[in-house]
Amino acid sequence: MRNFFKFHPGSGPNRTPRRGRSRGLGAAPDPVSTSKIEGLIFRLKSQYTIMIVTHDVQQAARVAEKTGFFLNGRMVEIDSTHRIFTNSAGKRTEDYITGRFG
Protein backbone atom coordinates (compact mmCIF):
# COMPACT_ATOMS: atom_id res chain seq x y z
CA MET A 1 0.00 0.00 0.00
CA ARG A 2 2.91 2.33 0.71
CA ASN A 3 3.93 2.20 -2.95
CA PHE A 4 0.38 2.81 -4.14
CA PHE A 5 0.42 6.52 -3.24
CA LYS A 6 3.11 9.09 -3.98
CA PHE A 7 2.96 12.25 -1.89
CA HIS A 8 4.15 15.67 -2.94
CA PRO A 9 4.77 18.31 -0.29
CA GLY A 10 3.35 21.74 -0.98
CA SER A 11 5.42 24.80 -1.61
CA GLY A 12 5.96 27.85 0.56
CA PRO A 13 7.09 28.27 4.15
CA ASN A 14 4.46 26.01 5.71
CA ARG A 15 4.53 23.54 2.77
CA THR A 16 0.76 23.37 2.26
CA PRO A 17 -1.36 22.32 0.50
CA ARG A 18 -0.20 18.78 0.06
CA ARG A 19 -1.39 16.55 -2.70
CA GLY A 20 -1.24 12.85 -3.36
CA ARG A 21 -1.27 10.88 -6.54
CA SER A 22 -2.09 7.24 -6.93
CA ARG A 23 -1.37 4.98 -9.81
CA GLY A 24 -4.31 3.40 -11.59
CA LEU A 25 -5.72 0.16 -10.31
CA GLY A 26 -6.50 -1.23 -13.74
CA ALA A 27 -9.12 -3.66 -12.48
CA ALA A 28 -11.31 -3.35 -9.42
CA PRO A 29 -9.54 -4.76 -6.37
CA ASP A 30 -11.19 -7.25 -4.05
CA PRO A 31 -13.47 -5.88 -1.27
CA VAL A 32 -10.78 -6.23 1.45
CA SER A 33 -8.23 -4.23 -0.58
CA THR A 34 -10.87 -1.65 -1.51
CA SER A 35 -11.71 -1.21 2.18
CA LYS A 36 -8.02 -0.73 3.05
CA ILE A 37 -7.54 1.84 0.30
CA GLU A 38 -10.66 3.76 1.33
CA GLY A 39 -9.55 3.66 4.98
CA LEU A 40 -6.21 5.14 3.95
CA ILE A 41 -8.01 7.88 2.00
CA PHE A 42 -10.06 8.79 5.10
CA ARG A 43 -6.92 8.98 7.26
CA LEU A 44 -5.01 11.10 4.75
CA LYS A 45 -7.67 13.54 3.57
CA SER A 46 -7.18 15.86 6.54
CA GLN A 47 -3.55 16.35 5.44
CA TYR A 48 -3.81 16.06 1.67
CA THR A 49 -6.08 17.01 -1.18
CA ILE A 50 -7.06 13.74 -2.78
CA MET A 51 -8.69 13.51 -6.19
CA ILE A 52 -10.15 10.20 -7.27
CA VAL A 53 -11.24 9.44 -10.81
CA THR A 54 -13.56 6.46 -10.68
CA HIS A 55 -16.42 4.83 -12.52
CA ASP A 56 -17.46 3.19 -9.25
CA VAL A 57 -20.45 5.27 -8.18
CA GLN A 58 -20.71 3.55 -4.80
CA GLN A 59 -17.06 4.28 -4.03
CA ALA A 60 -17.53 7.94 -4.90
CA ALA A 61 -20.53 8.10 -2.56
CA ARG A 62 -18.51 6.51 0.26
CA VAL A 63 -15.31 8.53 0.16
CA ALA A 64 -15.83 11.84 -1.64
CA GLU A 65 -16.71 15.18 -0.12
CA LYS A 66 -17.31 16.73 -3.55
CA THR A 67 -18.31 14.91 -6.70
CA GLY A 68 -18.11 15.97 -10.31
CA PHE A 69 -19.90 14.22 -13.14
CA PHE A 70 -18.26 14.34 -16.56
CA LEU A 71 -19.83 13.18 -19.81
CA ASN A 72 -17.99 13.09 -23.15
CA GLY A 73 -15.12 15.11 -21.69
CA ARG A 74 -17.32 17.89 -20.34
CA MET A 75 -18.21 18.65 -16.76
CA VAL A 76 -21.96 18.28 -16.38
CA GLU A 77 -22.25 18.95 -12.66
CA ILE A 78 -20.09 19.43 -9.57
CA ASP A 79 -21.39 19.78 -6.02
CA SER A 80 -21.19 18.20 -2.59
CA THR A 81 -21.40 14.43 -2.81
CA HIS A 82 -24.52 14.44 -0.66
CA ARG A 83 -26.30 16.82 -3.04
CA ILE A 84 -25.18 15.00 -6.19
CA PHE A 85 -26.48 11.69 -4.84
CA THR A 86 -29.70 12.95 -3.24
CA ASN A 87 -30.81 15.93 -5.32
CA SER A 88 -28.67 16.39 -8.42
CA ALA A 89 -29.36 19.47 -10.49
CA GLY A 90 -29.36 17.70 -13.84
CA LYS A 91 -31.24 14.77 -15.32
CA ARG A 92 -28.10 13.37 -16.98
CA THR A 93 -26.35 13.21 -13.60
CA GLU A 94 -29.35 11.57 -11.95
CA ASP A 95 -29.68 9.05 -14.79
CA TYR A 96 -26.01 8.03 -14.46
CA ILE A 97 -26.08 7.76 -10.67
CA THR A 98 -29.26 5.70 -10.66
CA GLY A 99 -27.92 3.37 -13.35
CA ARG A 100 -30.28 4.37 -16.14
CA PHE A 101 -27.24 4.68 -18.41
CA GLY A 102 -23.50 4.15 -18.21
C-alpha atoms as a PDB file:
ATOM      1  CA  MET A   1       0.000   0.000   0.000  1.00  0.00           C
ATOM      2  CA  ARG A   2       2.915   2.329   0.711  1.00  0.00           C
ATOM      3  CA  ASN A   3       3.927   2.198  -2.948  1.00  0.00           C
ATOM      4  CA  PHE A   4       0.376   2.807  -4.136  1.00  0.00           C
ATOM      5  CA  PHE A   5       0.422   6.518  -3.243  1.00  0.00           C
ATOM      6  CA  LYS A   6       3.105   9.093  -3.976  1.00  0.00           C
ATOM      7  CA  PHE A   7       2.958  12.255  -1.894  1.00  0.00           C
ATOM      8  CA  HIS A   8       4.153  15.666  -2.942  1.00  0.00           C
ATOM      9  CA  PRO A   9       4.768  18.308  -0.287  1.00  0.00           C
ATOM     10  CA  GLY A  10       3.346  21.739  -0.982  1.00  0.00           C
ATOM     11  CA  SER A  11       5.423  24.803  -1.606  1.00  0.00           C
ATOM     12  CA  GLY A  12       5.958  27.847   0.561  1.00  0.00           C
ATOM     13  CA  PRO A  13       7.092  28.273   4.154  1.00  0.00           C
ATOM     14  CA  ASN A  14       4.463  26.007   5.713  1.00  0.00           C
ATOM     15  CA  ARG A  15       4.531  23.543   2.774  1.00  0.00           C
ATOM     16  CA  THR A  16       0.761  23.367   2.256  1.00  0.00           C
ATOM     17  CA  PRO A  17      -1.359  22.319   0.505  1.00  0.00           C
ATOM     18  CA  ARG A  18      -0.199  18.778   0.059  1.00  0.00           C
ATOM     19  CA  ARG A  19      -1.387  16.553  -2.703  1.00  0.00           C
ATOM     20  CA  GLY A  20      -1.244  12.854  -3.364  1.00  0.00           C
ATOM     21  CA  ARG A  21      -1.266  10.883  -6.545  1.00  0.00           C
ATOM     22  CA  SER A  22      -2.090   7.238  -6.935  1.00  0.00           C
ATOM     23  CA  ARG A  23      -1.365   4.977  -9.808  1.00  0.00           C
ATOM     24  CA  GLY A  24      -4.306   3.402 -11.589  1.00  0.00           C
ATOM     25  CA  LEU A  25      -5.725   0.163 -10.306  1.00  0.00           C
ATOM     26  CA  GLY A  26      -6.501  -1.228 -13.740  1.00  0.00           C
ATOM     27  CA  ALA A  27      -9.125  -3.656 -12.482  1.00  0.00           C
ATOM     28  CA  ALA A  28     -11.307  -3.347  -9.425  1.00  0.00           C
ATOM     29  CA  PRO A  29      -9.540  -4.756  -6.367  1.00  0.00           C
ATOM     30  CA  ASP A  30     -11.194  -7.248  -4.050  1.00  0.00           C
ATOM     31  CA  PRO A  31     -13.474  -5.882  -1.267  1.00  0.00           C
ATOM     32  CA  VAL A  32     -10.784  -6.227   1.446  1.00  0.00           C
ATOM     33  CA  SER A  33      -8.232  -4.230  -0.582  1.00  0.00           C
ATOM     34  CA  THR A  34     -10.871  -1.650  -1.508  1.00  0.00           C
ATOM     35  CA  SER A  35     -11.708  -1.207   2.179  1.00  0.00           C
ATOM     36  CA  LYS A  36      -8.023  -0.728   3.054  1.00  0.00           C
ATOM     37  CA  ILE A  37      -7.539   1.844   0.295  1.00  0.00           C
ATOM     38  CA  GLU A  38     -10.662   3.761   1.334  1.00  0.00           C
ATOM     39  CA  GLY A  39      -9.547   3.664   4.983  1.00  0.00           C
ATOM     40  CA  LEU A  40      -6.214   5.144   3.946  1.00  0.00           C
ATOM     41  CA  ILE A  41      -8.014   7.877   1.998  1.00  0.00           C
ATOM     42  CA  PHE A  42     -10.058   8.790   5.095  1.00  0.00           C
ATOM     43  CA  ARG A  43      -6.920   8.979   7.256  1.00  0.00           C
ATOM     44  CA  LEU A  44      -5.011  11.101   4.753  1.00  0.00           C
ATOM     45  CA  LYS A  45      -7.671  13.538   3.567  1.00  0.00           C
ATOM     46  CA  SER A  46      -7.180  15.864   6.542  1.00  0.00           C
ATOM     47  CA  GLN A  47      -3.549  16.347   5.444  1.00  0.00           C
ATOM     48  CA  TYR A  48      -3.808  16.059   1.671  1.00  0.00           C
ATOM     49  CA  THR A  49      -6.078  17.010  -1.179  1.00  0.00           C
ATOM     50  CA  ILE A  50      -7.063  13.735  -2.785  1.00  0.00           C
ATOM     51  CA  MET A  51      -8.690  13.509  -6.185  1.00  0.00           C
ATOM     52  CA  ILE A  52     -10.146  10.199  -7.271  1.00  0.00           C
ATOM     53  CA  VAL A  53     -11.237   9.441 -10.805  1.00  0.00           C
ATOM     54  CA  THR A  54     -13.565   6.461 -10.680  1.00  0.00           C
ATOM     55  CA  HIS A  55     -16.423   4.828 -12.518  1.00  0.00           C
ATOM     56  CA  ASP A  56     -17.458   3.193  -9.251  1.00  0.00           C
ATOM     57  CA  VAL A  57     -20.454   5.275  -8.178  1.00  0.00           C
ATOM     58  CA  GLN A  58     -20.708   3.548  -4.802  1.00  0.00           C
ATOM     59  CA  GLN A  59     -17.060   4.278  -4.033  1.00  0.00           C
ATOM     60  CA  ALA A  60     -17.532   7.942  -4.899  1.00  0.00           C
ATOM     61  CA  ALA A  61     -20.529   8.100  -2.558  1.00  0.00           C
ATOM     62  CA  ARG A  62     -18.514   6.506   0.264  1.00  0.00           C
ATOM     63  CA  VAL A  63     -15.305   8.525   0.156  1.00  0.00           C
ATOM     64  CA  ALA A  64     -15.834  11.837  -1.641  1.00  0.00           C
ATOM     65  CA  GLU A  65     -16.706  15.181  -0.119  1.00  0.00           C
ATOM     66  CA  LYS A  66     -17.311  16.731  -3.547  1.00  0.00           C
ATOM     67  CA  THR A  67     -18.308  14.910  -6.703  1.00  0.00           C
ATOM     68  CA  GLY A  68     -18.106  15.966 -10.311  1.00  0.00           C
ATOM     69  CA  PHE A  69     -19.903  14.221 -13.143  1.00  0.00           C
ATOM     70  CA  PHE A  70     -18.263  14.345 -16.563  1.00  0.00           C
ATOM     71  CA  LEU A  71     -19.826  13.183 -19.811  1.00  0.00           C
ATOM     72  CA  ASN A  72     -17.990  13.094 -23.153  1.00  0.00           C
ATOM     73  CA  GLY A  73     -15.120  15.108 -21.690  1.00  0.00           C
ATOM     74  CA  ARG A  74     -17.319  17.888 -20.343  1.00  0.00           C
ATOM     75  CA  MET A  75     -18.207  18.648 -16.758  1.00  0.00           C
ATOM     76  CA  VAL A  76     -21.965  18.281 -16.380  1.00  0.00           C
ATOM     77  CA  GLU A  77     -22.246  18.953 -12.665  1.00  0.00           C
ATOM     78  CA  ILE A  78     -20.090  19.430  -9.567  1.00  0.00           C
ATOM     79  CA  ASP A  79     -21.385  19.776  -6.016  1.00  0.00           C
ATOM     80  CA  SER A  80     -21.194  18.200  -2.590  1.00  0.00           C
ATOM     81  CA  THR A  81     -21.399  14.435  -2.815  1.00  0.00           C
ATOM     82  CA  HIS A  82     -24.525  14.444  -0.665  1.00  0.00           C
ATOM     83  CA  ARG A  83     -26.304  16.822  -3.039  1.00  0.00           C
ATOM     84  CA  ILE A  84     -25.176  14.995  -6.186  1.00  0.00           C
ATOM     85  CA  PHE A  85     -26.479  11.687  -4.836  1.00  0.00           C
ATOM     86  CA  THR A  86     -29.704  12.954  -3.243  1.00  0.00           C
ATOM     87  CA  ASN A  87     -30.810  15.932  -5.319  1.00  0.00           C
ATOM     88  CA  SER A  88     -28.669  16.394  -8.421  1.00  0.00           C
ATOM     89  CA  ALA A  89     -29.360  19.474 -10.493  1.00  0.00           C
ATOM     90  CA  GLY A  90     -29.364  17.701 -13.840  1.00  0.00           C
ATOM     91  CA  LYS A  91     -31.243  14.769 -15.320  1.00  0.00           C
ATOM     92  CA  ARG A  92     -28.096  13.370 -16.981  1.00  0.00           C
ATOM     93  CA  THR A  93     -26.355  13.205 -13.598  1.00  0.00           C
ATOM     94  CA  GLU A  94     -29.350  11.571 -11.953  1.00  0.00           C
ATOM     95  CA  ASP A  95     -29.680   9.052 -14.792  1.00  0.00           C
ATOM     96  CA  TYR A  96     -26.010   8.029 -14.457  1.00  0.00           C
ATOM     97  CA  ILE A  97     -26.079   7.759 -10.666  1.00  0.00           C
ATOM     98  CA  THR A  98     -29.256   5.701 -10.664  1.00  0.00           C
ATOM     99  CA  GLY A  99     -27.916   3.368 -13.350  1.00  0.00           C
ATOM    100  CA  ARG A 100     -30.285   4.369 -16.144  1.00  0.00           C
ATOM    101  CA  PHE A 101     -27.243   4.684 -18.409  1.00  0.00           C
ATOM    102  CA  GLY A 102     -23.501   4.153 -18.209  1.00  0.00           C
END
